[in-house]
């Protein structure tokens, strides 16, 4: 079992910044990928950014140049630095981890609300 604890969401004005954190604990084993996703009511959850084993990073086009994903392997913690926030970034942000401990696993955090006011 893997536990993911997210923090850092909140209310910010457009143009502001927030930093999300996702701490993983438990039977982590070998992590294949960690990522951030977001969802607004009535829409599908969408990818924001991912870090894949080996260090390859992917961003959604809508956040390129504004958001930065990073990972502290020693702390099993992932971050999302969000700058130049826009009202359309308002969503519940979820962290995700995929890996292997004998069998493959795929876990989600509880989500953290990010609200950007105009």
C-alpha atoms as a PDB file:
ATOM      1  CA  UNK A   1       0.000   0.000   0.000  1.00  0.00           C
ATOM      2  CA  UNK A   2       1.215   3.490  -0.879  1.00  0.00           C
ATOM      3  CA  UNK A   3      -0.047   6.606   0.862  1.00  0.00           C
ATOM      4  CA  UNK A   4       0.044  10.000  -0.863  1.00  0.00           C
ATOM      5  CA  UNK A   5      -0.409  13.198   1.119  1.00  0.00           C
ATOM      6  CA  UNK A   6      -0.900  16.405  -0.826  1.00  0.00           C
ATOM      7  CA  UNK A   7      -0.572  19.937   0.453  1.00  0.00           C
ATOM      8  CA  UNK A   8      -0.176  23.487  -0.763  1.00  0.00           C
ATOM      9  CA  UNK A   9      -3.461  24.277  -2.446  1.00  0.00           C
ATOM     10  CA  UNK A  10      -5.422  27.432  -1.744  1.00  0.00           C
ATOM     11  CA  UNK A  11      -6.807  30.679  -3.083  1.00  0.00           C
ATOM     12  CA  UNK A  12      -4.585  33.033  -5.047  1.00  0.00           C
ATOM     13  CA  UNK A  13      -5.087  35.985  -7.337  1.00  0.00           C
ATOM     14  CA  UNK A  14      -4.363  35.738 -11.036  1.00  0.00           C
ATOM     15  CA  UNK A  15      -0.655  36.151 -11.660  1.00  0.00           C
ATOM     16  CA  UNK A  16       0.236  34.682  -8.301  1.00  0.00           C
ATOM     17  CA  UNK A  17       2.058  31.503  -7.372  1.00  0.00           C
ATOM     18  CA  UNK A  18       1.447  28.339  -5.402  1.00  0.00           C
ATOM     19  CA  UNK A  19       3.567  25.289  -4.659  1.00  0.00           C
ATOM     20  CA  UNK A  20       1.959  21.888  -4.307  1.00  0.00           C
ATOM     21  CA  UNK A  21       3.632  18.988  -2.526  1.00  0.00           C
ATOM     22  CA  UNK A  22       2.913  15.268  -2.639  1.00  0.00           C
ATOM     23  CA  UNK A  23       4.648  13.025  -0.105  1.00  0.00           C
ATOM     24  CA  UNK A  24       4.636   9.287  -0.758  1.00  0.00           C
ATOM     25  CA  UNK A  25       5.055   6.696   1.960  1.00  0.00           C
ATOM     26  CA  UNK A  26       4.515   2.996   2.485  1.00  0.00           C
ATOM     27  CA  UNK A  27       5.543   0.134   0.213  1.00  0.00           C
ATOM     28  CA  UNK A  28       6.847   2.335  -2.566  1.00  0.00           C
ATOM     29  CA  UNK A  29       9.305  -0.046  -4.189  1.00  0.00           C
ATOM     30  CA  UNK A  30      10.427   1.169  -7.590  1.00  0.00           C
ATOM     31  CA  UNK A  31       8.593   4.219  -8.895  1.00  0.00           C
ATOM     32  CA  UNK A  32       8.006   4.320 -12.655  1.00  0.00           C
ATOM     33  CA  UNK A  33       6.323   7.705 -12.800  1.00  0.00           C
ATOM     34  CA  UNK A  34       4.908  10.465 -10.650  1.00  0.00           C
ATOM     35  CA  UNK A  35       2.623  13.150 -11.885  1.00  0.00           C
ATOM     36  CA  UNK A  36       0.086  15.885 -11.276  1.00  0.00           C
ATOM     37  CA  UNK A  37      -3.388  15.898 -12.751  1.00  0.00           C
ATOM     38  CA  UNK A  38      -6.305  18.267 -12.330  1.00  0.00           C
ATOM     39  CA  UNK A  39     -10.055  18.102 -12.639  1.00  0.00           C
ATOM     40  CA  UNK A  40     -12.903  20.578 -12.717  1.00  0.00           C
ATOM     41  CA  UNK A  41     -16.541  19.576 -12.173  1.00  0.00           C
ATOM     42  CA  UNK A  42     -18.099  18.055 -15.252  1.00  0.00           C
ATOM     43  CA  UNK A  43     -14.810  17.485 -17.025  1.00  0.00           C
ATOM     44  CA  UNK A  44     -12.372  14.613 -17.251  1.00  0.00           C
ATOM     45  CA  UNK A  45      -9.247  14.584 -15.173  1.00  0.00           C
ATOM     46  CA  UNK A  46      -6.369  15.940 -17.261  1.00  0.00           C
ATOM     47  CA  UNK A  47      -2.621  15.613 -17.098  1.00  0.00           C
ATOM     48  CA  UNK A  48      -0.689  18.632 -15.854  1.00  0.00           C
ATOM     49  CA  UNK A  49       2.863  17.294 -15.607  1.00  0.00           C
ATOM     50  CA  UNK A  50       4.688  14.020 -15.100  1.00  0.00           C
ATOM     51  CA  UNK A  51       8.184  12.833 -14.229  1.00  0.00           C
ATOM     52  CA  UNK A  52       8.997   9.443 -15.674  1.00  0.00           C
ATOM     53  CA  UNK A  53      11.726   7.109 -14.429  1.00  0.00           C
ATOM     54  CA  UNK A  54      14.976   8.350 -15.916  1.00  0.00           C
ATOM     55  CA  UNK A  55      13.993  11.960 -15.459  1.00  0.00           C
ATOM     56  CA  UNK A  56      11.924  12.648 -18.557  1.00  0.00           C
ATOM     57  CA  UNK A  57       9.373  15.376 -17.873  1.00  0.00           C
ATOM     58  CA  UNK A  58       6.156  16.109 -19.728  1.00  0.00           C
ATOM     59  CA  UNK A  59       3.895  19.136 -19.400  1.00  0.00           C
ATOM     60  CA  UNK A  60       0.475  19.923 -20.721  1.00  0.00           C
ATOM     61  CA  UNK A  61       0.720  22.657 -23.326  1.00  0.00           C
ATOM     62  CA  UNK A  62      -1.471  24.909 -21.195  1.00  0.00           C
ATOM     63  CA  UNK A  63       1.064  25.022 -18.360  1.00  0.00           C
ATOM     64  CA  UNK A  64       4.383  24.982 -20.226  1.00  0.00           C
ATOM     65  CA  UNK A  65       6.596  27.864 -19.143  1.00  0.00           C
ATOM     66  CA  UNK A  66       4.494  28.525 -16.034  1.00  0.00           C
ATOM     67  CA  UNK A  67       4.562  25.289 -14.013  1.00  0.00           C
ATOM     68  CA  UNK A  68       7.584  23.276 -12.912  1.00  0.00           C
ATOM     69  CA  UNK A  69       7.437  19.711 -11.651  1.00  0.00           C
ATOM     70  CA  UNK A  70      10.234  18.341  -9.503  1.00  0.00           C
ATOM     71  CA  UNK A  71      10.956  15.393  -7.277  1.00  0.00           C
ATOM     72  CA  UNK A  72      13.074  14.853  -4.181  1.00  0.00           C
ATOM     73  CA  UNK A  73      13.947  11.168  -4.332  1.00  0.00           C
ATOM     74  CA  UNK A  74      15.405  11.130  -0.823  1.00  0.00           C
ATOM     75  CA  UNK A  75      12.096  12.340   0.601  1.00  0.00           C
ATOM     76  CA  UNK A  76       9.854  10.541  -1.899  1.00  0.00           C
ATOM     77  CA  UNK A  77       8.196  13.881  -2.413  1.00  0.00           C
ATOM     78  CA  UNK A  78       7.040  15.543  -5.599  1.00  0.00           C
ATOM     79  CA  UNK A  79       6.396  19.231  -6.099  1.00  0.00           C
ATOM     80  CA  UNK A  80       4.544  21.422  -8.546  1.00  0.00           C
ATOM     81  CA  UNK A  81       5.612  25.047  -8.626  1.00  0.00           C
ATOM     82  CA  UNK A  82       2.842  27.031 -10.276  1.00  0.00           C
ATOM     83  CA  UNK A  83       3.608  30.568 -11.398  1.00  0.00           C
ATOM     84  CA  UNK A  84       1.625  33.126 -13.380  1.00  0.00           C
ATOM     85  CA  UNK A  85      -1.577  31.405 -12.359  1.00  0.00           C
ATOM     86  CA  UNK A  86      -4.725  32.026 -14.371  1.00  0.00           C
ATOM     87  CA  UNK A  87      -8.389  31.621 -13.471  1.00  0.00           C
ATOM     88  CA  UNK A  88      -8.551  28.657 -15.856  1.00  0.00           C
ATOM     89  CA  UNK A  89      -6.026  26.847 -13.663  1.00  0.00           C
ATOM     90  CA  UNK A  90      -8.725  26.565 -11.004  1.00  0.00           C
ATOM     91  CA  UNK A  91      -9.271  22.866 -10.300  1.00  0.00           C
ATOM     92  CA  UNK A  92      -8.718  20.071  -7.837  1.00  0.00           C
ATOM     93  CA  UNK A  93      -5.147  18.902  -8.283  1.00  0.00           C
ATOM     94  CA  UNK A  94      -4.285  15.246  -7.725  1.00  0.00           C
ATOM     95  CA  UNK A  95      -0.922  13.576  -7.459  1.00  0.00           C
ATOM     96  CA  UNK A  96      -0.402  10.143  -8.920  1.00  0.00           C
ATOM     97  CA  UNK A  97       2.312   7.540  -8.508  1.00  0.00           C
ATOM     98  CA  UNK A  98       2.857   4.393 -10.542  1.00  0.00           C
ATOM     99  CA  UNK A  99       5.436   1.792  -9.684  1.00  0.00           C
ATOM    100  CA  UNK A 100       6.230  -1.790  -8.858  1.00  0.00           C
ATOM    101  CA  UNK A 101       6.406  -3.699  -5.601  1.00  0.00           C
ATOM    102  CA  UNK A 102       6.227  -7.238  -6.874  1.00  0.00           C
ATOM    103  CA  UNK A 103       3.132  -6.188  -8.789  1.00  0.00           C
ATOM    104  CA  UNK A 104       2.475  -2.895 -10.534  1.00  0.00           C
ATOM    105  CA  UNK A 105       0.540  -0.269  -8.594  1.00  0.00           C
ATOM    106  CA  UNK A 106      -1.192   3.027  -9.374  1.00  0.00           C
ATOM    107  CA  UNK A 107      -2.244   5.334  -6.540  1.00  0.00           C
ATOM    108  CA  UNK A 108      -3.903   8.754  -6.326  1.00  0.00           C
ATOM    109  CA  UNK A 109      -3.773  11.413  -3.659  1.00  0.00           C
ATOM    110  CA  UNK A 110      -6.898  12.864  -2.070  1.00  0.00           C
ATOM    111  CA  UNK A 111      -6.709  16.052  -4.119  1.00  0.00           C
ATOM    112  CA  UNK A 112      -6.098  19.654  -3.179  1.00  0.00           C
ATOM    113  CA  UNK A 113      -8.178  22.599  -4.337  1.00  0.00           C
ATOM    114  CA  UNK A 114      -6.501  25.418  -6.248  1.00  0.00           C
ATOM    115  CA  UNK A 115      -8.618  28.485  -6.869  1.00  0.00           C
ATOM    116  CA  UNK A 116      -7.355  31.418  -8.923  1.00  0.00           C
ATOM    117  CA  UNK A 117      -9.419  34.585  -8.737  1.00  0.00           C
ATOM    118  CA  UNK A 118      -9.490  37.133 -11.535  1.00  0.00           C
END
